[in-house]
PDB file of N, CA and C in Angstrom:
ATOM      1  N   MET A   1     119.601  84.688  71.526  1.00  0.00           N
ATOM      2  CA  MET A   1     119.348  86.061  71.475  1.00  0.00           C
ATOM      3  C   MET A   1     117.963  85.532  72.698  1.00  0.00           C
ATOM      4  N   ALA A   2     117.013  84.483  72.849  1.00  0.00           N
ATOM      5  CA  ALA A   2     116.572  84.690  73.138  1.00  0.00           C
ATOM      6  C   ALA A   2     116.871  83.873  74.816  1.00  0.00           C
ATOM      7  N   ILE A   3     118.321  83.249  74.554  1.00  0.00           N
ATOM      8  CA  ILE A   3     118.245  83.146  76.194  1.00  0.00           C
ATOM      9  C   ILE A   3     119.313  84.597  76.949  1.00  0.00           C
ATOM     10  N   ASP A   4     119.219  85.322  75.725  1.00  0.00           N
ATOM     11  CA  ASP A   4     120.123  87.012  76.631  1.00  0.00           C
ATOM     12  C   ASP A   4     118.675  87.496  76.622  1.00  0.00           C
ATOM     13  N   MET A   5     117.267  87.409  76.304  1.00  0.00           N
ATOM     14  CA  MET A   5     116.341  88.472  77.257  1.00  0.00           C
ATOM     15  C   MET A   5     116.250  87.452  78.001  1.00  0.00           C
ATOM     16  N   LEU A   6     115.329  85.722  78.057  1.00  0.00           N
ATOM     17  CA  LEU A   6     115.125  85.671  79.426  1.00  0.00           C
ATOM     18  C   LEU A   6     116.196  85.748  80.597  1.00  0.00           C
ATOM     19  N   SER A   7     117.571  85.366  79.761  1.00  0.00           N
ATOM     20  CA  SER A   7     118.118  85.393  81.809  1.00  0.00           C
ATOM     21  C   SER A   7     118.134  87.594  81.621  1.00  0.00           C
ATOM     22  N   TRP A   8     117.855  88.140  81.307  1.00  0.00           N
ATOM     23  CA  TRP A   8     117.916  89.697  81.335  1.00  0.00           C
ATOM     24  C   TRP A   8     116.502  89.861  82.052  1.00  0.00           C
ATOM     25  N   ILE A   9     115.285  89.308  81.891  1.00  0.00           N
ATOM     26  CA  ILE A   9     113.726  89.219  82.325  1.00  0.00           C
ATOM     27  C   ILE A   9     114.445  88.687  83.482  1.00  0.00           C
ATOM     28  N   LEU A  10     114.612  87.859  83.699  1.00  0.00           N
ATOM     29  CA  LEU A  10     114.515  87.123  85.208  1.00  0.00           C
ATOM     30  C   LEU A  10     115.523  88.118  86.701  1.00  0.00           C
ATOM     31  N   ILE A  11     116.922  88.744  85.810  1.00  0.00           N
ATOM     32  CA  ILE A  11     117.564  89.653  85.931  1.00  0.00           C
ATOM     33  C   ILE A  11     116.752  90.706  87.020  1.00  0.00           C
ATOM     34  N   VAL A  12     115.388  91.889  86.118  1.00  0.00           N
ATOM     35  CA  VAL A  12     115.594  92.799  86.692  1.00  0.00           C
ATOM     36  C   VAL A  12     113.948  92.125  87.127  1.00  0.00           C
ATOM     37  N   ILE A  13     113.755  90.698  87.383  1.00  0.00           N
ATOM     38  CA  ILE A  13     112.452  90.569  88.317  1.00  0.00           C
ATOM     39  C   ILE A  13     113.001  90.182  89.456  1.00  0.00           C
ATOM     40  N   GLY A  14     114.208  89.594  89.615  1.00  0.00           N
ATOM     41  CA  GLY A  14     115.023  89.772  90.786  1.00  0.00           C
ATOM     42  C   GLY A  14     115.133  90.562  91.310  1.00  0.00           C
ATOM     43  N   GLY A  15     115.934  92.054  90.630  1.00  0.00           N
ATOM     44  CA  GLY A  15     116.121  92.777  91.329  1.00  0.00           C
ATOM     45  C   GLY A  15     114.631  93.708  91.528  1.00  0.00           C
ATOM     46  N   GLY A  16     113.342  93.578  90.842  1.00  0.00           N
ATOM     47  CA  GLY A  16     112.177  94.223  91.362  1.00  0.00           C
ATOM     48  C   GLY A  16     111.796  93.355  92.489  1.00  0.00           C
ATOM     49  N   LEU A  17     112.625  92.194  93.166  1.00  0.00           N
ATOM     50  CA  LEU A  17     111.953  91.470  93.887  1.00  0.00           C
ATOM     51  C   LEU A  17     112.728  91.610  95.214  1.00  0.00           C
ATOM     52  N   SER A  18     113.819  92.049  94.683  1.00  0.00           N
ATOM     53  CA  SER A  18     114.838  92.440  95.821  1.00  0.00           C
ATOM     54  C   SER A  18     114.540  94.102  96.916  1.00  0.00           C
ATOM     55  N   ILE A  19     113.908  95.242  95.722  1.00  0.00           N
ATOM     56  CA  ILE A  19     114.059  96.453  95.689  1.00  0.00           C
ATOM     57  C   ILE A  19     112.333  96.216  97.238  1.00  0.00           C
ATOM     58  N   ILE A  20     111.185  95.634  96.691  1.00  0.00           N
ATOM     59  CA  ILE A  20     109.744  94.655  97.227  1.00  0.00           C
ATOM     60  C   ILE A  20     110.486  94.270  98.076  1.00  0.00           C
ATOM     61  N   SER A  21     111.321  93.235  98.579  1.00  0.00           N
ATOM     62  CA  SER A  21     111.448  92.729 100.112  1.00  0.00           C
ATOM     63  C   SER A  21     111.691  93.899 101.253  1.00  0.00           C
ATOM     64  N   ALA A  22     113.304  94.995 100.327  1.00  0.00           N
ATOM     65  CA  ALA A  22     114.229  95.963 101.032  1.00  0.00           C
ATOM     66  C   ALA A  22     112.377  96.788 101.608  1.00  0.00           C
ATOM     67  N   VAL A  23     112.109  96.761 100.587  1.00  0.00           N
ATOM     68  CA  VAL A  23     110.400  97.645 101.042  1.00  0.00           C
ATOM     69  C   VAL A  23     109.506  97.458 102.097  1.00  0.00           C
ATOM     70  N   GLY A  24     109.418  96.328 102.214  1.00  0.00           N
ATOM     71  CA  GLY A  24     108.996  95.094 103.367  1.00  0.00           C
ATOM     72  C   GLY A  24     109.686  94.985 105.053  1.00  0.00           C
ATOM     73  N   ILE A  25     110.619  95.411 104.373  1.00  0.00           N
ATOM     74  CA  ILE A  25     112.024  95.290 106.083  1.00  0.00           C
ATOM     75  C   ILE A  25     111.372  96.946 106.480  1.00  0.00           C
ATOM     76  N   LEU A  26     111.646  97.725 105.349  1.00  0.00           N
ATOM     77  CA  LEU A  26     111.109  98.860 105.594  1.00  0.00           C
ATOM     78  C   LEU A  26     109.469  99.733 106.741  1.00  0.00           C
ATOM     79  N   ARG A  27     108.554  98.970 104.779  1.00  0.00           N
ATOM     80  CA  ARG A  27     107.645  99.774 105.924  1.00  0.00           C
ATOM     81  C   ARG A  27     106.621  98.894 106.820  1.00  0.00           C
ATOM     82  N   LEU A  28     106.968  97.112 106.914  1.00  0.00           N
ATOM     83  CA  LEU A  28     105.997  96.470 108.035  1.00  0.00           C
ATOM     84  C   LEU A  28     106.384  96.253 109.021  1.00  0.00           C
ATOM     85  N   PRO A  29     105.411  96.478 110.037  1.00  0.00           N
ATOM     86  CA  PRO A  29     104.823  97.107 111.254  1.00  0.00           C
ATOM     87  C   PRO A  29     106.011  96.409 112.702  1.00  0.00           C
ATOM     88  N   ASP A  30     106.003  95.044 112.442  1.00  0.00           N
ATOM     89  CA  ASP A  30     106.581  94.804 113.429  1.00  0.00           C
ATOM     90  C   ASP A  30     107.647  93.124 112.748  1.00  0.00           C
ATOM     91  N   VAL A  31     108.465  92.429 113.928  1.00  0.00           N
ATOM     92  CA  VAL A  31     109.840  91.846 113.459  1.00  0.00           C
ATOM     93  C   VAL A  31     109.282  90.460 112.278  1.00  0.00           C
ATOM     94  N   PHE A  32     108.189  90.112 113.064  1.00  0.00           N
ATOM     95  CA  PHE A  32     107.578  88.905 112.261  1.00  0.00           C
ATOM     96  C   PHE A  32     107.386  89.135 110.811  1.00  0.00           C
ATOM     97  N   THR A  33     107.047  89.835 110.409  1.00  0.00           N
ATOM     98  CA  THR A  33     106.450  90.826 109.610  1.00  0.00           C
ATOM     99  C   THR A  33     107.928  90.770 108.479  1.00  0.00           C
ATOM    100  N   ARG A  34     108.389  91.050 109.417  1.00  0.00           N
ATOM    101  CA  ARG A  34     109.723  92.069 108.536  1.00  0.00           C
ATOM    102  C   ARG A  34     111.045  90.311 107.870  1.00  0.00           C
ATOM    103  N   MET A  35     110.566  89.210 109.066  1.00  0.00           N
ATOM    104  CA  MET A  35     111.618  88.948 108.407  1.00  0.00           C
ATOM    105  C   MET A  35     110.714  87.719 108.312  1.00  0.00           C
ATOM    106  N   HIS A  36     109.562  87.791 107.524  1.00  0.00           N
ATOM    107  CA  HIS A  36     109.004  87.308 106.993  1.00  0.00           C
ATOM    108  C   HIS A  36     109.288  87.521 105.307  1.00  0.00           C
ATOM    109  N   ALA A  37     108.949  88.771 105.228  1.00  0.00           N
ATOM    110  CA  ALA A  37     109.382  89.698 103.719  1.00  0.00           C
ATOM    111  C   ALA A  37     111.382  89.668 103.545  1.00  0.00           C
ATOM    112  N   ALA A  38     111.621  89.480 104.871  1.00  0.00           N
ATOM    113  CA  ALA A  38     113.099  89.756 103.911  1.00  0.00           C
ATOM    114  C   ALA A  38     113.415  87.499 103.734  1.00  0.00           C
ATOM    115  N   GLY A  39     112.820  87.066 104.463  1.00  0.00           N
ATOM    116  CA  GLY A  39     112.404  85.350 104.052  1.00  0.00           C
ATOM    117  C   GLY A  39     112.734  84.414 102.800  1.00  0.00           C
ATOM    118  N   ILE A  40     111.092  85.561 102.444  1.00  0.00           N
ATOM    119  CA  ILE A  40     111.001  85.107 100.969  1.00  0.00           C
ATOM    120  C   ILE A  40     111.094  85.407 100.022  1.00  0.00           C
ATOM    121  N   GLY A  41     111.294  87.404  99.911  1.00  0.00           N
ATOM    122  CA  GLY A  41     111.360  87.849  99.082  1.00  0.00           C
ATOM    123  C   GLY A  41     112.828  87.784  99.187  1.00  0.00           C
ATOM    124  N   ASP A  42     113.864  87.644  99.976  1.00  0.00           N
ATOM    125  CA  ASP A  42     115.451  87.646  99.247  1.00  0.00           C
ATOM    126  C   ASP A  42     115.469  85.942  98.553  1.00  0.00           C
ATOM    127  N   THR A  43     115.193  85.238  98.810  1.00  0.00           N
ATOM    128  CA  THR A  43     115.160  83.980  98.288  1.00  0.00           C
ATOM    129  C   THR A  43     114.741  83.528  96.993  1.00  0.00           C
ATOM    130  N   LEU A  44     113.812  84.729  97.257  1.00  0.00           N
ATOM    131  CA  LEU A  44     112.691  84.400  95.772  1.00  0.00           C
ATOM    132  C   LEU A  44     113.860  85.250  94.259  1.00  0.00           C
ATOM    133  N   ALA A  45     114.498  86.581  94.948  1.00  0.00           N
ATOM    134  CA  ALA A  45     114.839  87.586  94.189  1.00  0.00           C
ATOM    135  C   ALA A  45     116.263  86.442  94.093  1.00  0.00           C
ATOM    136  N   LEU A  46     117.001  85.827  94.988  1.00  0.00           N
ATOM    137  CA  LEU A  46     117.865  85.339  94.750  1.00  0.00           C
ATOM    138  C   LEU A  46     118.012  83.933  93.939  1.00  0.00           C
ATOM    139  N   GLY A  47     117.182  83.558  94.291  1.00  0.00           N
ATOM    140  CA  GLY A  47     116.490  82.651  92.501  1.00  0.00           C
ATOM    141  C   GLY A  47     116.656  83.072  91.553  1.00  0.00           C
ATOM    142  N   SER A  48     115.636  84.110  91.183  1.00  0.00           N
ATOM    143  CA  SER A  48     115.790  84.197  89.447  1.00  0.00           C
ATOM    144  C   SER A  48     116.585  85.406  89.463  1.00  0.00           C
ATOM    145  N   LEU A  49     118.101  86.041  90.279  1.00  0.00           N
ATOM    146  CA  LEU A  49     119.381  86.397  89.676  1.00  0.00           C
ATOM    147  C   LEU A  49     120.205  85.489  89.340  1.00  0.00           C
ATOM    148  N   CYS A  50     120.201  84.631  90.143  1.00  0.00           N
ATOM    149  CA  CYS A  50     121.004  83.437  90.151  1.00  0.00           C
ATOM    150  C   CYS A  50     120.823  82.431  88.672  1.00  0.00           C
ATOM    151  N   ALA A  51     119.449  81.851  88.231  1.00  0.00           N
ATOM    152  CA  ALA A  51     118.642  81.597  86.990  1.00  0.00           C
ATOM    153  C   ALA A  51     119.475  82.727  85.755  1.00  0.00           C
ATOM    154  N   GLY A  52     119.350  84.068  86.526  1.00  0.00           N
ATOM    155  CA  GLY A  52     119.557  84.956  84.761  1.00  0.00           C
ATOM    156  C   GLY A  52     121.113  84.546  84.390  1.00  0.00           C
ATOM    157  N   MET A  53     121.636  85.251  85.306  1.00  0.00           N
ATOM    158  CA  MET A  53     122.689  84.906  85.780  1.00  0.00           C
ATOM    159  C   MET A  53     123.510  83.759  85.185  1.00  0.00           C
ATOM    160  N   MET A  54     122.815  82.682  85.406  1.00  0.00           N
ATOM    161  CA  MET A  54     123.466  81.335  84.849  1.00  0.00           C
ATOM    162  C   MET A  54     122.828  81.220  83.459  1.00  0.00           C
ATOM    163  N   LEU A  55     121.862  82.013  83.162  1.00  0.00           N
ATOM    164  CA  LEU A  55     121.843  81.424  81.704  1.00  0.00           C
ATOM    165  C   LEU A  55     122.729  82.818  80.648  1.00  0.00           C
ATOM    166  N   GLN A  56     123.682  83.463  81.077  1.00  0.00           N
ATOM    167  CA  GLN A  56     124.228  84.549  80.859  1.00  0.00           C
ATOM    168  C   GLN A  56     125.523  83.909  80.820  1.00  0.00           C
ATOM    169  N   ALA A  57     125.433  82.662  82.222  1.00  0.00           N
ATOM    170  CA  ALA A  57     127.351  82.197  82.108  1.00  0.00           C
ATOM    171  C   ALA A  57     128.198  81.420  80.603  1.00  0.00           C
ATOM    172  N   GLY A  58     126.582  80.395  80.851  1.00  0.00           N
ATOM    173  CA  GLY A  58     126.359  79.218  79.780  1.00  0.00           C
ATOM    174  C   GLY A  58     126.933  78.139  80.891  1.00  0.00           C
ATOM    175  N   TRP A  59     127.521  77.142  80.082  1.00  0.00           N
ATOM    176  CA  TRP A  59     127.844  75.642  80.736  1.00  0.00           C
ATOM    177  C   TRP A  59     129.405  76.056  80.819  1.00  0.00           C
ATOM    178  N   THR A  60     129.590  76.870  81.956  1.00  0.00           N
ATOM    179  CA  THR A  60     131.088  76.764  82.655  1.00  0.00           C
ATOM    180  C   THR A  60     130.866  76.733  84.628  1.00  0.00           C
ATOM    181  N   ILE A  61     132.422  76.858  84.704  1.00  0.00           N
ATOM    182  CA  ILE A  61     132.025  76.637  86.102  1.00  0.00           C
ATOM    183  C   ILE A  61     131.242  77.459  86.924  1.00  0.00           C
ATOM    184  N   VAL A  62     131.563  78.632  86.407  1.00  0.00           N
ATOM    185  CA  VAL A  62     130.702  80.313  87.287  1.00  0.00           C
ATOM    186  C   VAL A  62     129.249  79.344  87.405  1.00  0.00           C
ATOM    187  N   THR A  63     128.950  78.793  86.281  1.00  0.00           N
ATOM    188  CA  THR A  63     127.121  77.921  86.613  1.00  0.00           C
ATOM    189  C   THR A  63     126.650  77.477  87.515  1.00  0.00           C
ATOM    190  N   ILE A  64     128.279  76.620  87.890  1.00  0.00           N
ATOM    191  CA  ILE A  64     128.208  75.645  88.664  1.00  0.00           C
ATOM    192  C   ILE A  64     128.288  76.933  90.796  1.00  0.00           C
ATOM    193  N   LYS A  65     129.129  77.413  91.052  1.00  0.00           N
ATOM    194  CA  LYS A  65     129.389  77.832  91.585  1.00  0.00           C
ATOM    195  C   LYS A  65     128.295  79.163  91.682  1.00  0.00           C
ATOM    196  N   LEU A  66     127.258  79.256  90.619  1.00  0.00           N
ATOM    197  CA  LEU A  66     126.379  79.427  91.301  1.00  0.00           C
ATOM    198  C   LEU A  66     125.053  78.962  91.824  1.00  0.00           C
ATOM    199  N   ALA A  67     125.174  77.709  90.226  1.00  0.00           N
ATOM    200  CA  ALA A  67     124.252  76.882  91.566  1.00  0.00           C
ATOM    201  C   ALA A  67     124.843  76.399  93.256  1.00  0.00           C
ATOM    202  N   LEU A  68     126.009  76.590  93.603  1.00  0.00           N
ATOM    203  CA  LEU A  68     126.073  76.140  94.316  1.00  0.00           C
ATOM    204  C   LEU A  68     125.494  76.859  95.954  1.00  0.00           C
ATOM    205  N   ILE A  69     126.417  78.091  95.114  1.00  0.00           N
ATOM    206  CA  ILE A  69     124.964  79.521  96.096  1.00  0.00           C
ATOM    207  C   ILE A  69     124.031  79.514  96.396  1.00  0.00           C
ATOM    208  N   LEU A  70     123.380  79.401  94.932  1.00  0.00           N
ATOM    209  CA  LEU A  70     121.843  79.250  94.978  1.00  0.00           C
ATOM    210  C   LEU A  70     120.866  78.043  96.113  1.00  0.00           C
ATOM    211  N   LEU A  71     122.115  77.311  96.252  1.00  0.00           N
ATOM    212  CA  LEU A  71     121.901  75.541  97.084  1.00  0.00           C
ATOM    213  C   LEU A  71     121.972  75.527  98.523  1.00  0.00           C
ATOM    214  N   PHE A  72     122.845  77.005  98.453  1.00  0.00           N
ATOM    215  CA  PHE A  72     123.128  76.981 100.054  1.00  0.00           C
ATOM    216  C   PHE A  72     121.768  77.525 100.608  1.00  0.00           C
ATOM    217  N   MET A  73     121.812  79.347  99.708  1.00  0.00           N
ATOM    218  CA  MET A  73     121.358  80.107 100.135  1.00  0.00           C
ATOM    219  C   MET A  73     119.476  79.466 100.110  1.00  0.00           C
ATOM    220  N   PHE A  74     119.758  78.569  99.894  1.00  0.00           N
ATOM    221  CA  PHE A  74     117.571  77.745  99.615  1.00  0.00           C
ATOM    222  C   PHE A  74     117.653  77.436 100.887  1.00  0.00           C
ATOM    223  N   PHE A  75     118.707  76.864 101.305  1.00  0.00           N
ATOM    224  CA  PHE A  75     118.832  76.497 103.059  1.00  0.00           C
ATOM    225  C   PHE A  75     118.866  77.138 104.192  1.00  0.00           C
ATOM    226  N   ALA A  76     119.883  78.447 103.372  1.00  0.00           N
ATOM    227  CA  ALA A  76     120.581  78.570 105.242  1.00  0.00           C
ATOM    228  C   ALA A  76     119.140  80.284 105.016  1.00  0.00           C
ATOM    229  N   SER A  77     119.018  80.550 103.702  1.00  0.00           N
ATOM    230  CA  SER A  77     117.440  81.778 104.419  1.00  0.00           C
ATOM    231  C   SER A  77     117.140  81.049 105.725  1.00  0.00           C
ATOM    232  N   PRO A  78     115.424  80.242 105.355  1.00  0.00           N
ATOM    233  CA  PRO A  78     114.447  79.939 105.783  1.00  0.00           C
ATOM    234  C   PRO A  78     115.334  79.009 107.195  1.00  0.00           C
ATOM    235  N   THR A  79     116.141  79.315 106.997  1.00  0.00           N
ATOM    236  CA  THR A  79     116.837  78.619 108.208  1.00  0.00           C
ATOM    237  C   THR A  79     116.947  79.157 109.191  1.00  0.00           C
ATOM    238  N   THR A  80     117.810  80.039 108.857  1.00  0.00           N
ATOM    239  CA  THR A  80     117.891  81.443 109.984  1.00  0.00           C
ATOM    240  C   THR A  80     117.028  82.595 110.379  1.00  0.00           C
ATOM    241  N   THR A  81     115.836  82.650 109.319  1.00  0.00           N
ATOM    242  CA  THR A  81     114.919  83.005 109.472  1.00  0.00           C
ATOM    243  C   THR A  81     113.799  82.379 111.085  1.00  0.00           C
ATOM    244  N   HIS A  82     113.812  80.968 110.284  1.00  0.00           N
ATOM    245  CA  HIS A  82     113.825  80.571 111.949  1.00  0.00           C
ATOM    246  C   HIS A  82     114.114  80.542 113.286  1.00  0.00           C
ATOM    247  N   ALA A  83     115.260  80.171 113.261  1.00  0.00           N
ATOM    248  CA  ALA A  83     116.258  81.236 114.130  1.00  0.00           C
ATOM    249  C   ALA A  83     115.773  82.051 114.335  1.00  0.00           C
ATOM    250  N   LEU A  84     115.836  83.433 113.417  1.00  0.00           N
ATOM    251  CA  LEU A  84     115.225  84.307 114.475  1.00  0.00           C
ATOM    252  C   LEU A  84     113.780  84.405 115.526  1.00  0.00           C
ATOM    253  N   ALA A  85     112.731  84.110 114.264  1.00  0.00           N
ATOM    254  CA  ALA A  85     111.836  84.454 115.163  1.00  0.00           C
ATOM    255  C   ALA A  85     111.960  83.168 115.850  1.00  0.00           C
ATOM    256  N   LYS A  86     112.198  81.993 116.881  1.00  0.00           N
ATOM    257  CA  LYS A  86     112.222  81.337 117.856  1.00  0.00           C
ATOM    258  C   LYS A  86     113.326  81.952 118.857  1.00  0.00           C
ATOM    259  N   ALA A  87     114.159  83.248 118.212  1.00  0.00           N
ATOM    260  CA  ALA A  87     114.678  83.706 119.695  1.00  0.00           C
ATOM    261  C   ALA A  87     114.209  85.023 119.220  1.00  0.00           C
ATOM    262  N   ALA A  88     113.237  85.879 118.607  1.00  0.00           N
ATOM    263  CA  ALA A  88     112.573  87.389 119.101  1.00  0.00           C
ATOM    264  C   ALA A  88     111.578  86.618 120.109  1.00  0.00           C
ATOM    265  N   ILE A  89     110.596  85.116 119.715  1.00  0.00           N
ATOM    266  CA  ILE A  89     110.017  85.336 120.875  1.00  0.00           C
ATOM    267  C   ILE A  89     110.147  84.077 122.033  1.00  0.00           C
ATOM    268  N   ALA A  90     111.647  83.543 122.274  1.00  0.00           N
ATOM    269  CA  ALA A  90     112.463  83.335 123.361  1.00  0.00           C
ATOM    270  C   ALA A  90     112.768  84.774 123.856  1.00  0.00           C
ATOM    271  N   GLY A  91     112.935  85.852 123.629  1.00  0.00           N
ATOM    272  CA  GLY A  91     113.168  87.316 124.251  1.00  0.00           C
ATOM    273  C   GLY A  91     111.823  87.744 124.199  1.00  0.00           C
ATOM    274  N   GLY A  92     110.951  86.961 124.100  1.00  0.00           N
ATOM    275  CA  GLY A  92     109.290  87.987 124.477  1.00  0.00           C
ATOM    276  C   GLY A  92     108.535  88.392 123.756  1.00  0.00           C
ATOM    277  N   VAL A  93     109.652  88.877 122.325  1.00  0.00           N
ATOM    278  CA  VAL A  93     108.691  89.371 121.325  1.00  0.00           C
ATOM    279  C   VAL A  93     107.696  89.160 121.392  1.00  0.00           C
ATOM    280  N   LYS A  94     106.703  89.143 121.190  1.00  0.00           N
ATOM    281  CA  LYS A  94     104.955  89.179 120.160  1.00  0.00           C
ATOM    282  C   LYS A  94     104.600  89.925 119.431  1.00  0.00           C
ATOM    283  N   PRO A  95     104.126  89.354 118.627  1.00  0.00           N
ATOM    284  CA  PRO A  95     103.773  89.454 117.222  1.00  0.00           C
ATOM    285  C   PRO A  95     102.762  90.607 117.008  1.00  0.00           C
ATOM    286  N   ILE A  96     102.852  91.622 116.299  1.00  0.00           N
ATOM    287  CA  ILE A  96     101.190  93.168 116.782  1.00  0.00           C
ATOM    288  C   ILE A  96     100.199  91.946 116.158  1.00  0.00           C
ATOM    289  N   LEU A  97      99.360  91.688 116.188  1.00  0.00           N
ATOM    290  CA  LEU A  97      97.874  90.978 115.854  1.00  0.00           C
ATOM    291  C   LEU A  97      96.370  91.782 115.723  1.00  0.00           C
ATOM    292  N   ASP A  98      95.913  91.232 114.556  1.00  0.00           N
ATOM    293  CA  ASP A  98      94.328  92.679 114.484  1.00  0.00           C
ATOM    294  C   ASP A  98      93.981  93.518 115.818  1.00  0.00           C
ATOM    295  N   GLU A  99      93.642  92.568 116.780  1.00  0.00           N
ATOM    296  CA  GLU A  99      92.738  92.506 118.032  1.00  0.00           C
ATOM    297  C   GLU A  99      94.025  93.475 118.524  1.00  0.00           C
ATOM    298  N   ASP A 100      94.970  93.757 118.328  1.00  0.00           N
ATOM    299  CA  ASP A 100      95.601  95.011 119.213  1.00  0.00           C
ATOM    300  C   ASP A 100      95.795  95.929 118.445  1.00  0.00           C
ATOM    301  N   ARG A 101      95.326  96.566 117.155  1.00  0.00           N
ATOM    302  CA  ARG A 101      95.086  97.477 116.305  1.00  0.00           C
ATOM    303  C   ARG A 101      94.486  97.738 116.341  1.00  0.00           C
ATOM    304  N   ILE A 102      92.856  97.340 116.384  1.00  0.00           N
ATOM    305  CA  ILE A 102      91.458  97.451 116.600  1.00  0.00           C
ATOM    306  C   ILE A 102      91.740  98.149 118.123  1.00  0.00           C
ATOM    307  N   ALA A 103      92.483  97.448 119.313  1.00  0.00           N
ATOM    308  CA  ALA A 103      91.640  97.719 120.358  1.00  0.00           C
ATOM    309  C   ALA A 103      92.922  99.092 120.604  1.00  0.00           C
ATOM    310  N   ASN A 104      93.835  99.382 119.601  1.00  0.00           N
ATOM    311  CA  ASN A 104      94.349 100.978 119.816  1.00  0.00           C
ATOM    312  C   ASN A 104      94.238 101.762 119.532  1.00  0.00           C
ATOM    313  N   LYS A 105      93.571 101.456 117.678  1.00  0.00           N
ATOM    314  CA  LYS A 105      92.657 102.466 117.392  1.00  0.00           C
ATOM    315  C   LYS A 105      91.477 103.039 117.915  1.00  0.00           C
ATOM    316  N   ASN A 106      90.669 101.908 118.775  1.00  0.00           N
ATOM    317  CA  ASN A 106      89.469 102.550 119.949  1.00  0.00           C
ATOM    318  C   ASN A 106      89.899 103.455 121.211  1.00  0.00           C
ATOM    319  N   ALA A 107      90.761 102.953 121.375  1.00  0.00           N
ATOM    320  CA  ALA A 107      91.699 103.467 122.435  1.00  0.00           C
ATOM    321  C   ALA A 107      91.788 105.157 122.671  1.00  0.00           C
ATOM    322  N   LEU A 108      92.443 105.034 120.969  1.00  0.00           N
ATOM    323  CA  LEU A 108      93.308 106.919 120.772  1.00  0.00           C
ATOM    324  C   LEU A 108      91.299 107.364 120.084  1.00  0.00           C
ATOM    325  N   GLU A 109      90.530 106.976 119.600  1.00  0.00           N
ATOM    326  CA  GLU A 109      88.708 107.502 119.094  1.00  0.00           C
ATOM    327  C   GLU A 109      88.560 107.954 120.032  1.00  0.00           C
ATOM    328  N   ASP A 110      88.450 107.113 121.471  1.00  0.00           N
ATOM    329  CA  ASP A 110      87.875 107.255 122.773  1.00  0.00           C
ATOM    330  C   ASP A 110      88.959 109.066 123.407  1.00  0.00           C
ATOM    331  N   THR A 111      90.067 108.609 123.479  1.00  0.00           N
ATOM    332  CA  THR A 111      90.806 109.597 123.904  1.00  0.00           C
ATOM    333  C   THR A 111      90.564 111.179 123.269  1.00  0.00           C
ATOM    334  N   GLU A 112      90.996 111.123 121.754  1.00  0.00           N
ATOM    335  CA  GLU A 112      90.319 112.499 121.425  1.00  0.00           C
ATOM    336  C   GLU A 112      88.777 112.294 121.748  1.00  0.00           C
ATOM    337  N   ASN A 113      87.696 111.580 121.996  1.00  0.00           N
ATOM    338  CA  ASN A 113      86.345 111.540 121.988  1.00  0.00           C
ATOM    339  C   ASN A 113      86.605 112.606 123.739  1.00  0.00           C
ATOM    340  N   LYS A 114      87.362 112.193 124.370  1.00  0.00           N
ATOM    341  CA  LYS A 114      87.180 112.609 125.834  1.00  0.00           C
ATOM    342  C   LYS A 114      87.670 114.036 125.784  1.00  0.00           C
ATOM    343  N   GLY A 115      88.736 114.435 124.602  1.00  0.00           N
ATOM    344  CA  GLY A 115      89.470 116.046 124.360  1.00  0.00           C
ATOM    345  C   GLY A 115      88.334 116.530 123.714  1.00  0.00           C
ATOM    346  N   LYS A 116      87.626 115.850 122.594  1.00  0.00           N
ATOM    347  CA  LYS A 116      86.172 117.113 121.963  1.00  0.00           C
ATOM    348  C   LYS A 116      85.168 117.425 123.028  1.00  0.00           C
ATOM    349  N   ASN A 117      85.040 116.273 123.841  1.00  0.00           N
ATOM    350  CA  ASN A 117      84.025 117.351 124.928  1.00  0.00           C
ATOM    351  C   ASN A 117      84.212 117.456 126.297  1.00  0.00           C
ATOM    352  N   SER A 118      85.725 117.130 127.080  1.00  0.00           N
ATOM    353  CA  SER A 118      86.072 118.542 127.705  1.00  0.00           C
ATOM    354  C   SER A 118      85.415 120.001 127.804  1.00  0.00           C
TER     355      SER A 118
END
């Protein structure tokens, strides 16, 4: 009974982390922060989901398969994120910095003030 409750808690946590990661991919401003949300969030979500499913399966071949999937994804997800980031930098994509946002905000305010003064 306690193992079932713990496994379901892990599965729910994994599902929540997966949803948070998906929202991060949709809402974050540039490709680099989106990759961060995908890489970190999905790795944590997969870890929780696999751990919960391993507890549900007990000591069976399914647990070994889930452990192998988890091991593969533990190395593949960060490696893929790193490769995508290097490709984005090589392609000329620049990260959005706070200075860029402040400059854009000030330029927008200047434009609005000029329109009011005219």
